[in-house]
Amino acid sequence: MKNSLKYIALAIIGSLVSCKDEAQKPKVIYDASNKASVVNKTDSTQIEVADLPIQMEGTDYLIHPVGDLRVFEKGPKARYGSSSVNDVSFTISNLGEYEITGYLQNLKFQKTDSDSIRSLTDKPALILTATYLKTVADKTKNQIMVYTLADSDTNKDGKIDGGDIKTLYLSDISGENFTKVSEDFQELVDWSLIDSKSRLYFRTIEDTNQNGQFDKNDVLHYSYIDLASKKWEVKNYKPI
């Protein structure tokens, strides 16, 4: 019994150490150029698929989420050379109220009266959320999408994934004017829409000591954008 408890304790300690190492894995690795690595193409073993199109209420555009086919191993491999049975998920995104979430490689936009489809971006990215600002559109007639995504290999592991810095982008509902509004090498903390002022507020954190981590020793930046304006100008403010 004592030996069993000992092994359990060691397993727990090992698990905690593993989690700690994972948590401390740097999101940014700096070099002389102080630039993120460029990822030229996605993994060639992945199969790209698209979900059925989505139309946000009051808009004239269809949005096609695009991502990688996900295969889940159902069970352990059988003996005598038999392969394990796999489950395949053809669904790559989830739809909430005016928001698309997932681990998406791209979004493609199509006007409802056209067969032409255009990509949001021609560069590698991992799109986590795409949100249509319906209340802003109702008030200002400006139909705007907000995106949280990783756009570069900041930890230099050869891929763009959840281990890289998360950034903030805007575009028109057509997917045009795809614009980064957060600063390079600053991690997006959160964003919020203030309907009464048609302002998008957001916070980012800068790795000021350049240790590759974002922690209490780093500096928070506070910004907002007036979405009633046709020009998306980022303005900084200091609440503290």
C-alpha atoms as a PDB file:
ATOM      1  CA  MET A   1       0.000   0.000   0.000  1.00  0.00           C
ATOM      2  CA  LYS A   2       2.828   2.361   0.892  1.00  0.00           C
ATOM      3  CA  ASN A   3       4.585   1.581  -2.370  1.00  0.00           C
ATOM      4  CA  SER A   4       1.353   2.266  -4.299  1.00  0.00           C
ATOM      5  CA  LEU A   5       0.960   5.620  -2.578  1.00  0.00           C
ATOM      6  CA  LYS A   6       4.594   6.393  -3.326  1.00  0.00           C
ATOM      7  CA  TYR A   7       4.136   5.678  -7.035  1.00  0.00           C
ATOM      8  CA  ILE A   8       0.942   7.777  -7.125  1.00  0.00           C
ATOM      9  CA  ALA A   9       2.735  10.676  -5.433  1.00  0.00           C
ATOM     10  CA  LEU A  10       5.630  10.450  -7.889  1.00  0.00           C
ATOM     11  CA  ALA A  11       3.185  10.387 -10.802  1.00  0.00           C
ATOM     12  CA  ILE A  12       1.415  13.490  -9.482  1.00  0.00           C
ATOM     13  CA  ILE A  13       4.718  15.317  -8.990  1.00  0.00           C
ATOM     14  CA  GLY A  14       5.817  14.340 -12.499  1.00  0.00           C
ATOM     15  CA  SER A  15       2.542  15.597 -13.910  1.00  0.00           C
ATOM     16  CA  LEU A  16       2.859  18.907 -12.060  1.00  0.00           C
ATOM     17  CA  VAL A  17       6.427  19.369 -13.287  1.00  0.00           C
ATOM     18  CA  SER A  18       5.298  18.621 -16.832  1.00  0.00           C
ATOM     19  CA  CYS A  19       2.454  21.159 -16.575  1.00  0.00           C
ATOM     20  CA  LYS A  20       4.835  23.732 -15.102  1.00  0.00           C
ATOM     21  CA  ASP A  21       7.296  23.235 -17.966  1.00  0.00           C
ATOM     22  CA  GLU A  22       4.455  23.606 -20.479  1.00  0.00           C
ATOM     23  CA  ALA A  23       3.208  26.778 -18.767  1.00  0.00           C
ATOM     24  CA  GLN A  24       6.741  28.266 -18.793  1.00  0.00           C
ATOM     25  CA  LYS A  25       7.337  27.528 -22.463  1.00  0.00           C
ATOM     26  CA  PRO A  26       8.143  30.935 -23.991  1.00  0.00           C
ATOM     27  CA  LYS A  27       5.714  32.547 -26.402  1.00  0.00           C
ATOM     28  CA  VAL A  28       8.489  34.677 -27.873  1.00  0.00           C
ATOM     29  CA  ILE A  29      12.053  33.746 -28.750  1.00  0.00           C
ATOM     30  CA  TYR A  30      14.225  36.718 -29.622  1.00  0.00           C
ATOM     31  CA  ASP A  31      17.199  36.843 -31.946  1.00  0.00           C
ATOM     32  CA  ALA A  32      19.390  39.550 -33.440  1.00  0.00           C
ATOM     33  CA  SER A  33      16.706  40.570 -35.935  1.00  0.00           C
ATOM     34  CA  ASN A  34      14.016  40.675 -33.227  1.00  0.00           C
ATOM     35  CA  LYS A  35      11.514  39.337 -35.750  1.00  0.00           C
ATOM     36  CA  ALA A  36       9.184  36.345 -35.653  1.00  0.00           C
ATOM     37  CA  SER A  37       9.980  33.406 -37.898  1.00  0.00           C
ATOM     38  CA  VAL A  38       8.134  33.247 -41.195  1.00  0.00           C
ATOM     39  CA  VAL A  39       6.070  30.134 -41.859  1.00  0.00           C
ATOM     40  CA  ASN A  40       5.757  29.741 -45.611  1.00  0.00           C
ATOM     41  CA  LYS A  41       3.282  26.886 -45.802  1.00  0.00           C
ATOM     42  CA  THR A  42       1.102  24.692 -43.640  1.00  0.00           C
ATOM     43  CA  ASP A  43       1.714  21.018 -42.903  1.00  0.00           C
ATOM     44  CA  SER A  44       1.353  19.151 -46.209  1.00  0.00           C
ATOM     45  CA  THR A  45      -0.059  16.102 -44.380  1.00  0.00           C
ATOM     46  CA  GLN A  46      -3.138  18.058 -43.307  1.00  0.00           C
ATOM     47  CA  ILE A  47      -6.295  17.978 -45.421  1.00  0.00           C
ATOM     48  CA  GLU A  48      -8.007  21.342 -45.857  1.00  0.00           C
ATOM     49  CA  VAL A  49     -11.817  21.419 -45.620  1.00  0.00           C
ATOM     50  CA  ALA A  50     -14.479  24.117 -45.413  1.00  0.00           C
ATOM     51  CA  ASP A  51     -17.634  24.231 -43.312  1.00  0.00           C
ATOM     52  CA  LEU A  52     -20.921  25.209 -44.912  1.00  0.00           C
ATOM     53  CA  PRO A  53     -21.214  28.986 -45.331  1.00  0.00           C
ATOM     54  CA  ILE A  54     -22.533  31.331 -42.662  1.00  0.00           C
ATOM     55  CA  GLN A  55     -24.442  34.574 -43.266  1.00  0.00           C
ATOM     56  CA  MET A  56     -24.501  37.139 -40.499  1.00  0.00           C
ATOM     57  CA  GLU A  57     -27.889  38.783 -40.042  1.00  0.00           C
ATOM     58  CA  GLY A  58     -28.334  41.934 -42.118  1.00  0.00           C
ATOM     59  CA  THR A  59     -25.309  41.332 -44.355  1.00  0.00           C
ATOM     60  CA  ASP A  60     -24.900  40.457 -48.045  1.00  0.00           C
ATOM     61  CA  TYR A  61     -21.942  38.118 -47.583  1.00  0.00           C
ATOM     62  CA  LEU A  62     -21.462  34.417 -46.980  1.00  0.00           C
ATOM     63  CA  ILE A  63     -18.511  33.399 -44.791  1.00  0.00           C
ATOM     64  CA  HIS A  64     -16.835  30.036 -45.439  1.00  0.00           C
ATOM     65  CA  PRO A  65     -14.687  28.817 -42.489  1.00  0.00           C
ATOM     66  CA  VAL A  66     -11.619  26.881 -43.704  1.00  0.00           C
ATOM     67  CA  GLY A  67      -9.450  24.599 -41.588  1.00  0.00           C
ATOM     68  CA  ASP A  68      -7.776  21.217 -41.284  1.00  0.00           C
ATOM     69  CA  LEU A  69      -9.667  17.945 -41.184  1.00  0.00           C
ATOM     70  CA  ARG A  70      -9.547  16.488 -37.684  1.00  0.00           C
ATOM     71  CA  VAL A  71      -9.061  12.765 -37.113  1.00  0.00           C
ATOM     72  CA  PHE A  72      -9.524  11.282 -33.641  1.00  0.00           C
ATOM     73  CA  GLU A  73      -8.153   7.858 -32.742  1.00  0.00           C
ATOM     74  CA  LYS A  74     -11.049   5.898 -31.291  1.00  0.00           C
ATOM     75  CA  GLY A  75      -9.139   3.271 -29.367  1.00  0.00           C
ATOM     76  CA  PRO A  76      -5.846   1.409 -28.891  1.00  0.00           C
ATOM     77  CA  LYS A  77      -4.432  -0.416 -31.886  1.00  0.00           C
ATOM     78  CA  ALA A  78      -5.647  -3.988 -32.110  1.00  0.00           C
ATOM     79  CA  ARG A  79      -3.196  -6.875 -32.192  1.00  0.00           C
ATOM     80  CA  TYR A  80      -2.230  -9.032 -35.165  1.00  0.00           C
ATOM     81  CA  GLY A  81      -1.687  -6.055 -37.478  1.00  0.00           C
ATOM     82  CA  SER A  82      -5.186  -4.589 -37.334  1.00  0.00           C
ATOM     83  CA  SER A  83      -5.370  -0.784 -37.390  1.00  0.00           C
ATOM     84  CA  SER A  84      -7.250   1.208 -34.769  1.00  0.00           C
ATOM     85  CA  VAL A  85     -10.603   2.659 -35.790  1.00  0.00           C
ATOM     86  CA  ASN A  86     -10.587   6.421 -36.372  1.00  0.00           C
ATOM     87  CA  ASP A  87     -13.362   8.981 -36.057  1.00  0.00           C
ATOM     88  CA  VAL A  88     -13.271  11.853 -38.550  1.00  0.00           C
ATOM     89  CA  SER A  89     -14.775  15.248 -37.737  1.00  0.00           C
ATOM     90  CA  PHE A  90     -15.715  17.267 -40.797  1.00  0.00           C
ATOM     91  CA  THR A  91     -16.855  20.183 -38.609  1.00  0.00           C
ATOM     92  CA  ILE A  92     -14.045  22.685 -38.097  1.00  0.00           C
ATOM     93  CA  SER A  93     -15.879  25.645 -36.554  1.00  0.00           C
ATOM     94  CA  ASN A  94     -18.598  26.541 -34.078  1.00  0.00           C
ATOM     95  CA  LEU A  95     -21.155  29.327 -34.469  1.00  0.00           C
ATOM     96  CA  GLY A  96     -22.328  31.424 -31.550  1.00  0.00           C
ATOM     97  CA  GLU A  97     -24.301  34.666 -31.623  1.00  0.00           C
ATOM     98  CA  TYR A  98     -22.538  36.582 -34.426  1.00  0.00           C
ATOM     99  CA  GLU A  99     -19.281  34.757 -33.639  1.00  0.00           C
ATOM    100  CA  ILE A 100     -17.356  31.961 -35.360  1.00  0.00           C
ATOM    101  CA  THR A 101     -14.830  30.055 -33.240  1.00  0.00           C
ATOM    102  CA  GLY A 102     -12.380  27.271 -33.942  1.00  0.00           C
ATOM    103  CA  TYR A 103      -8.810  26.645 -35.057  1.00  0.00           C
ATOM    104  CA  LEU A 104      -9.171  28.002 -38.575  1.00  0.00           C
ATOM    105  CA  GLN A 105      -6.584  28.502 -41.298  1.00  0.00           C
ATOM    106  CA  ASN A 106      -8.652  31.069 -43.181  1.00  0.00           C
ATOM    107  CA  LEU A 107     -12.080  32.542 -43.832  1.00  0.00           C
ATOM    108  CA  LYS A 108     -13.431  33.032 -47.338  1.00  0.00           C
ATOM    109  CA  PHE A 109     -16.049  35.614 -48.288  1.00  0.00           C
ATOM    110  CA  GLN A 110     -18.659  35.527 -51.041  1.00  0.00           C
ATOM    111  CA  LYS A 111     -21.209  38.184 -51.933  1.00  0.00           C
ATOM    112  CA  THR A 112     -24.656  36.617 -52.080  1.00  0.00           C
ATOM    113  CA  ASP A 113     -25.219  37.671 -55.696  1.00  0.00           C
ATOM    114  CA  SER A 114     -21.809  36.433 -56.901  1.00  0.00           C
ATOM    115  CA  ASP A 115     -19.970  33.137 -57.439  1.00  0.00           C
ATOM    116  CA  SER A 116     -16.620  34.766 -56.695  1.00  0.00           C
ATOM    117  CA  ILE A 117     -14.964  33.806 -53.390  1.00  0.00           C
ATOM    118  CA  ARG A 118     -12.055  35.752 -51.839  1.00  0.00           C
ATOM    119  CA  SER A 119      -9.742  34.787 -48.966  1.00  0.00           C
ATOM    120  CA  LEU A 120      -9.406  36.882 -45.834  1.00  0.00           C
ATOM    121  CA  THR A 121      -5.616  36.457 -45.929  1.00  0.00           C
ATOM    122  CA  ASP A 122      -2.995  34.921 -48.186  1.00  0.00           C
ATOM    123  CA  LYS A 123      -0.578  34.337 -45.297  1.00  0.00           C
ATOM    124  CA  PRO A 124      -0.450  31.452 -42.782  1.00  0.00           C
ATOM    125  CA  ALA A 125      -2.525  32.169 -39.657  1.00  0.00           C
ATOM    126  CA  LEU A 126      -4.486  30.473 -36.905  1.00  0.00           C
ATOM    127  CA  ILE A 127      -7.860  32.219 -36.516  1.00  0.00           C
ATOM    128  CA  LEU A 128      -9.458  31.591 -33.119  1.00  0.00           C
ATOM    129  CA  THR A 129     -12.491  33.889 -33.217  1.00  0.00           C
ATOM    130  CA  ALA A 130     -14.262  35.979 -35.862  1.00  0.00           C
ATOM    131  CA  THR A 131     -16.979  38.251 -34.490  1.00  0.00           C
ATOM    132  CA  TYR A 132     -19.483  40.368 -36.405  1.00  0.00           C
ATOM    133  CA  LEU A 133     -20.249  43.633 -34.601  1.00  0.00           C
ATOM    134  CA  LYS A 134     -23.990  43.677 -35.251  1.00  0.00           C
ATOM    135  CA  THR A 135     -24.799  46.525 -32.856  1.00  0.00           C
ATOM    136  CA  VAL A 136     -22.176  48.758 -34.469  1.00  0.00           C
ATOM    137  CA  ALA A 137     -23.624  47.987 -37.911  1.00  0.00           C
ATOM    138  CA  ASP A 138     -27.140  48.818 -36.720  1.00  0.00           C
ATOM    139  CA  LYS A 139     -25.983  52.144 -35.294  1.00  0.00           C
ATOM    140  CA  THR A 140     -23.338  53.349 -37.763  1.00  0.00           C
ATOM    141  CA  LYS A 141     -23.966  51.216 -40.896  1.00  0.00           C
ATOM    142  CA  ASN A 142     -20.292  50.158 -40.684  1.00  0.00           C
ATOM    143  CA  GLN A 143     -20.252  46.360 -41.000  1.00  0.00           C
ATOM    144  CA  ILE A 144     -17.108  45.238 -39.204  1.00  0.00           C
ATOM    145  CA  MET A 145     -15.566  41.889 -38.231  1.00  0.00           C
ATOM    146  CA  VAL A 146     -13.142  41.479 -35.293  1.00  0.00           C
ATOM    147  CA  TYR A 147     -10.621  38.631 -35.222  1.00  0.00           C
ATOM    148  CA  THR A 148      -8.339  37.122 -32.603  1.00  0.00           C
ATOM    149  CA  LEU A 149      -5.582  35.092 -34.198  1.00  0.00           C
ATOM    150  CA  ALA A 150      -1.924  34.101 -34.272  1.00  0.00           C
ATOM    151  CA  ASP A 151      -0.217  35.511 -37.352  1.00  0.00           C
ATOM    152  CA  SER A 152       3.445  34.564 -36.915  1.00  0.00           C
ATOM    153  CA  ASP A 153       5.704  31.916 -35.405  1.00  0.00           C
ATOM    154  CA  THR A 154       6.845  33.977 -32.425  1.00  0.00           C
ATOM    155  CA  ASN A 155       8.172  31.002 -30.436  1.00  0.00           C
ATOM    156  CA  LYS A 156      10.069  29.707 -33.498  1.00  0.00           C
ATOM    157  CA  ASP A 157       8.948  26.097 -33.357  1.00  0.00           C
ATOM    158  CA  GLY A 158       8.268  25.991 -37.105  1.00  0.00           C
ATOM    159  CA  LYS A 159       4.479  26.362 -36.954  1.00  0.00           C
ATOM    160  CA  ILE A 160       1.750  28.841 -36.057  1.00  0.00           C
ATOM    161  CA  ASP A 161      -0.376  27.525 -33.204  1.00  0.00           C
ATOM    162  CA  GLY A 162      -1.736  28.336 -29.742  1.00  0.00           C
ATOM    163  CA  GLY A 163       1.811  28.693 -28.423  1.00  0.00           C
ATOM    164  CA  ASP A 164       2.335  31.892 -30.416  1.00  0.00           C
ATOM    165  CA  ILE A 165       1.295  35.452 -29.606  1.00  0.00           C
ATOM    166  CA  LYS A 166      -2.418  36.211 -30.035  1.00  0.00           C
ATOM    167  CA  THR A 167      -3.209  39.404 -31.979  1.00  0.00           C
ATOM    168  CA  LEU A 168      -6.225  41.559 -32.886  1.00  0.00           C
ATOM    169  CA  TYR A 169      -7.424  42.304 -36.434  1.00  0.00           C
ATOM    170  CA  LEU A 170     -10.383  44.064 -38.075  1.00  0.00           C
ATOM    171  CA  SER A 171     -11.924  43.793 -41.537  1.00  0.00           C
ATOM    172  CA  ASP A 172     -15.012  44.846 -43.421  1.00  0.00           C
ATOM    173  CA  ILE A 173     -17.817  42.264 -43.673  1.00  0.00           C
ATOM    174  CA  SER A 174     -16.515  41.529 -47.177  1.00  0.00           C
ATOM    175  CA  GLY A 175     -13.174  40.403 -45.744  1.00  0.00           C
ATOM    176  CA  GLU A 176     -11.478  43.435 -47.300  1.00  0.00           C
ATOM    177  CA  ASN A 177      -9.346  45.929 -45.354  1.00  0.00           C
ATOM    178  CA  PHE A 178      -7.964  43.109 -43.183  1.00  0.00           C
ATOM    179  CA  THR A 179      -5.969  45.201 -40.698  1.00  0.00           C
ATOM    180  CA  LYS A 180      -3.837  44.386 -37.679  1.00  0.00           C
ATOM    181  CA  VAL A 181      -4.624  46.817 -34.849  1.00  0.00           C
ATOM    182  CA  SER A 182      -2.504  45.379 -32.016  1.00  0.00           C
ATOM    183  CA  GLU A 183       1.259  45.926 -31.953  1.00  0.00           C
ATOM    184  CA  ASP A 184       3.773  43.291 -33.018  1.00  0.00           C
ATOM    185  CA  PHE A 185       5.153  41.214 -30.116  1.00  0.00           C
ATOM    186  CA  GLN A 186       2.325  42.320 -27.808  1.00  0.00           C
ATOM    187  CA  GLU A 187      -0.048  39.615 -26.577  1.00  0.00           C
ATOM    188  CA  LEU A 188      -3.758  40.407 -26.769  1.00  0.00           C
ATOM    189  CA  VAL A 189      -5.278  40.111 -23.285  1.00  0.00           C
ATOM    190  CA  ASP A 190      -8.918  40.869 -24.147  1.00  0.00           C
ATOM    191  CA  TRP A 191     -11.237  43.201 -26.018  1.00  0.00           C
ATOM    192  CA  SER A 192     -14.643  44.698 -25.348  1.00  0.00           C
ATOM    193  CA  LEU A 193     -17.215  46.660 -27.339  1.00  0.00           C
ATOM    194  CA  ILE A 194     -18.856  49.740 -25.785  1.00  0.00           C
ATOM    195  CA  ASP A 195     -22.066  50.075 -27.802  1.00  0.00           C
ATOM    196  CA  SER A 196     -22.998  53.573 -26.591  1.00  0.00           C
ATOM    197  CA  LYS A 197     -19.759  55.019 -27.973  1.00  0.00           C
ATOM    198  CA  SER A 198     -19.217  52.534 -30.843  1.00  0.00           C
ATOM    199  CA  ARG A 199     -15.748  51.968 -29.485  1.00  0.00           C
ATOM    200  CA  LEU A 200     -13.672  48.812 -29.414  1.00  0.00           C
ATOM    201  CA  TYR A 201     -11.479  48.745 -26.303  1.00  0.00           C
ATOM    202  CA  PHE A 202      -8.621  46.266 -25.935  1.00  0.00           C
ATOM    203  CA  ARG A 203      -5.626  45.456 -23.760  1.00  0.00           C
ATOM    204  CA  THR A 204      -2.263  44.043 -24.755  1.00  0.00           C
ATOM    205  CA  ILE A 205       0.788  43.099 -22.723  1.00  0.00           C
ATOM    206  CA  GLU A 206       4.374  43.795 -23.764  1.00  0.00           C
ATOM    207  CA  ASP A 207       7.259  41.531 -22.780  1.00  0.00           C
ATOM    208  CA  THR A 208       9.354  44.475 -21.578  1.00  0.00           C
ATOM    209  CA  ASN A 209      12.050  42.346 -19.929  1.00  0.00           C
ATOM    210  CA  GLN A 210      12.192  40.089 -23.019  1.00  0.00           C
ATOM    211  CA  ASN A 211      12.214  36.831 -21.084  1.00  0.00           C
ATOM    212  CA  GLY A 212       9.772  35.277 -23.559  1.00  0.00           C
ATOM    213  CA  GLN A 213       6.911  35.223 -21.033  1.00  0.00           C
ATOM    214  CA  PHE A 214       4.012  37.556 -20.306  1.00  0.00           C
ATOM    215  CA  ASP A 215       3.757  38.041 -16.551  1.00  0.00           C
ATOM    216  CA  LYS A 216       3.270  40.561 -13.740  1.00  0.00           C
ATOM    217  CA  ASN A 217       6.637  42.163 -14.457  1.00  0.00           C
ATOM    218  CA  ASP A 218       5.562  43.264 -17.924  1.00  0.00           C
ATOM    219  CA  VAL A 219       3.590  46.332 -19.054  1.00  0.00           C
ATOM    220  CA  LEU A 220      -0.088  46.459 -20.012  1.00  0.00           C
ATOM    221  CA  HIS A 221      -1.175  48.785 -22.822  1.00  0.00           C
ATOM    222  CA  TYR A 222      -4.743  50.153 -23.066  1.00  0.00           C
ATOM    223  CA  SER A 223      -6.194  51.182 -26.420  1.00  0.00           C
ATOM    224  CA  TYR A 224      -9.459  51.889 -28.222  1.00  0.00           C
ATOM    225  CA  ILE A 225     -10.737  52.408 -31.779  1.00  0.00           C
ATOM    226  CA  ASP A 226     -13.659  54.591 -32.838  1.00  0.00           C
ATOM    227  CA  LEU A 227     -15.665  52.247 -35.076  1.00  0.00           C
ATOM    228  CA  ALA A 228     -18.031  54.993 -36.177  1.00  0.00           C
ATOM    229  CA  SER A 229     -15.141  56.385 -38.205  1.00  0.00           C
ATOM    230  CA  LYS A 230     -14.225  54.932 -41.586  1.00  0.00           C
ATOM    231  CA  LYS A 231     -10.557  55.085 -40.561  1.00  0.00           C
ATOM    232  CA  TRP A 232      -9.533  52.653 -37.821  1.00  0.00           C
ATOM    233  CA  GLU A 233      -7.150  54.705 -35.721  1.00  0.00           C
ATOM    234  CA  VAL A 234      -5.767  53.109 -32.559  1.00  0.00           C
ATOM    235  CA  LYS A 235      -5.686  55.533 -29.644  1.00  0.00           C
ATOM    236  CA  ASN A 236      -3.943  54.807 -26.359  1.00  0.00           C
ATOM    237  CA  TYR A 237      -5.329  55.775 -22.987  1.00  0.00           C
ATOM    238  CA  LYS A 238      -4.154  55.419 -19.378  1.00  0.00           C
ATOM    239  CA  PRO A 239      -6.830  54.373 -16.865  1.00  0.00           C
ATOM    240  CA  ILE A 240      -4.196  53.915 -14.129  1.00  0.00           C
END
